[in-house]
Amino acid sequence: MERYLILILTTILIIALAIRRFKRLGPEDKDKVKEELGNPVSLLLESLPFIGVLMIFIGLFIEQSVIVAIGIVFVFLGLNYQSYKMWKYSKKVKSFTILVSNVILVLYFYFFMYGRF
């Protein structure tokens, strides 16, 4: 019972923080966000890291390694998409940093799933 309560509270907290952050944006930034997220595919790809983190926590709470693995893949794919967008807008250093962190994430994932390099 406690696990479900923690899961529900975590989900509500993530949604509330996203709404709060959107409300703090200026009018120009809100229009930019609406334009970028107007496309359903872009919305899905932008939200993959958050969905992945949520799935990782769900998998840890219910002790299912398959759900954790799917969450890690979602985080990896979402961060790669965000890295591509940063590269597109000439933010090469940040994009490279995200790509390096993705490689480290994959190595940790492989190490913890299989116990060897």
Protein backbone atom coordinates (compact mmCIF):
# COMPACT_ATOMS: atom_id res chain seq x y z
CA MET A 1 0.00 0.00 0.00
CA GLU A 2 2.81 2.39 0.86
CA ARG A 3 4.46 1.78 -2.50
CA TYR A 4 1.36 2.82 -4.39
CA LEU A 5 0.98 5.93 -2.28
CA ILE A 6 4.60 6.92 -2.97
CA LEU A 7 4.10 6.22 -6.68
CA ILE A 8 0.96 8.38 -6.85
CA LEU A 9 2.57 11.21 -4.88
CA THR A 10 5.66 11.13 -7.11
CA THR A 11 3.53 11.31 -10.24
CA ILE A 12 1.49 14.22 -8.86
CA LEU A 13 4.69 16.03 -7.83
CA ILE A 14 6.20 15.70 -11.32
CA ILE A 15 3.03 16.99 -12.98
CA ALA A 16 2.75 19.89 -10.53
CA LEU A 17 6.36 20.91 -11.07
CA ALA A 18 5.90 20.87 -14.85
CA ILE A 19 2.77 23.05 -14.63
CA ARG A 20 4.48 25.44 -12.21
CA ARG A 21 7.48 25.80 -14.48
CA PHE A 22 5.28 26.49 -17.50
CA LYS A 23 3.35 29.19 -15.62
CA ARG A 24 6.60 30.98 -14.71
CA LEU A 25 7.59 31.37 -18.37
CA GLY A 26 7.20 34.68 -20.14
CA PRO A 27 4.69 35.13 -22.98
CA GLU A 28 7.31 34.64 -25.70
CA ASP A 29 8.65 31.49 -24.08
CA LYS A 30 5.14 30.11 -23.63
CA ASP A 31 4.43 30.63 -27.33
CA LYS A 32 7.70 28.92 -28.21
CA VAL A 33 6.88 25.95 -25.97
CA LYS A 34 3.38 25.68 -27.44
CA GLU A 35 4.81 25.79 -30.96
CA GLU A 36 7.44 23.16 -30.25
CA LEU A 37 5.08 20.86 -28.40
CA GLY A 38 2.18 21.32 -30.82
CA ASN A 39 3.41 18.35 -32.82
CA PRO A 40 2.45 15.09 -31.03
CA VAL A 41 5.67 13.34 -32.09
CA SER A 42 7.77 16.20 -30.73
CA LEU A 43 5.75 16.17 -27.51
CA LEU A 44 6.37 12.45 -27.08
CA LEU A 45 10.08 12.73 -27.79
CA GLU A 46 10.47 15.72 -25.46
CA SER A 47 8.73 13.88 -22.63
CA LEU A 48 10.57 10.55 -23.03
CA PRO A 49 13.21 11.29 -20.37
CA PHE A 50 10.53 12.19 -17.82
CA ILE A 51 8.45 9.14 -18.71
CA GLY A 52 11.60 7.03 -18.46
CA VAL A 53 12.50 8.33 -15.01
CA LEU A 54 8.95 7.69 -13.84
CA MET A 55 9.12 4.14 -15.23
CA ILE A 56 12.44 3.57 -13.48
CA PHE A 57 10.90 4.56 -10.14
CA ILE A 58 7.82 2.44 -10.81
CA GLY A 59 10.03 -0.53 -11.67
CA LEU A 60 12.07 -0.06 -8.52
CA PHE A 61 8.97 0.18 -6.34
CA ILE A 62 7.34 -2.94 -7.75
CA GLU A 63 10.70 -4.69 -8.16
CA GLN A 64 10.43 -5.37 -11.90
CA SER A 65 13.74 -5.07 -13.71
CA VAL A 66 12.03 -5.14 -17.14
CA ILE A 67 10.20 -1.89 -16.38
CA VAL A 68 13.45 -0.35 -15.12
CA ALA A 69 15.19 -1.39 -18.35
CA ILE A 70 12.42 0.11 -20.49
CA GLY A 71 12.64 3.33 -18.45
CA ILE A 72 16.39 3.54 -19.02
CA VAL A 73 15.89 3.06 -22.76
CA PHE A 74 13.27 5.85 -22.76
CA VAL A 75 15.67 8.18 -20.92
CA PHE A 76 18.42 7.31 -23.39
CA LEU A 77 16.26 7.95 -26.45
CA GLY A 78 14.82 11.17 -25.05
CA LEU A 79 18.23 12.56 -24.16
CA ASN A 80 19.51 11.71 -27.62
CA TYR A 81 16.61 13.63 -29.15
CA GLN A 82 17.29 16.63 -26.91
CA SER A 83 20.96 16.45 -27.81
CA TYR A 84 20.04 16.49 -31.49
CA LYS A 85 17.87 19.58 -30.97
CA MET A 86 20.68 21.36 -29.11
CA TRP A 87 23.13 20.48 -31.87
CA LYS A 88 20.65 21.86 -34.39
CA TYR A 89 20.47 25.18 -32.53
CA SER A 90 24.30 25.50 -32.36
CA LYS A 91 24.68 24.53 -28.71
CA LYS A 92 27.48 22.09 -29.46
CA VAL A 93 29.07 21.91 -25.99
CA LYS A 94 25.81 21.08 -24.22
CA SER A 95 24.92 18.59 -26.93
CA PHE A 96 28.28 16.87 -26.60
CA THR A 97 27.88 16.75 -22.81
CA ILE A 98 24.51 15.04 -23.15
CA LEU A 99 25.92 12.52 -25.62
CA VAL A 100 28.79 11.68 -23.27
CA SER A 101 26.37 11.27 -20.37
CA ASN A 102 24.29 8.95 -22.56
CA VAL A 103 27.32 6.76 -23.23
CA ILE A 104 28.03 6.62 -19.49
CA LEU A 105 24.36 5.77 -18.86
CA VAL A 106 24.52 2.87 -21.32
CA LEU A 107 27.74 1.56 -19.75
CA TYR A 108 26.23 1.69 -16.25
CA PHE A 109 23.07 0.06 -17.51
CA TYR A 110 25.04 -2.76 -19.12
CA PHE A 111 27.24 -3.18 -16.06
CA PHE A 112 24.33 -3.36 -13.60
CA MET A 113 22.21 -5.61 -15.79
CA TYR A 114 24.96 -8.09 -16.67
CA GLY A 115 27.60 -7.43 -14.00
CA ARG A 116 30.56 -7.16 -16.38
CA PHE A 117 32.07 -4.97 -19.08
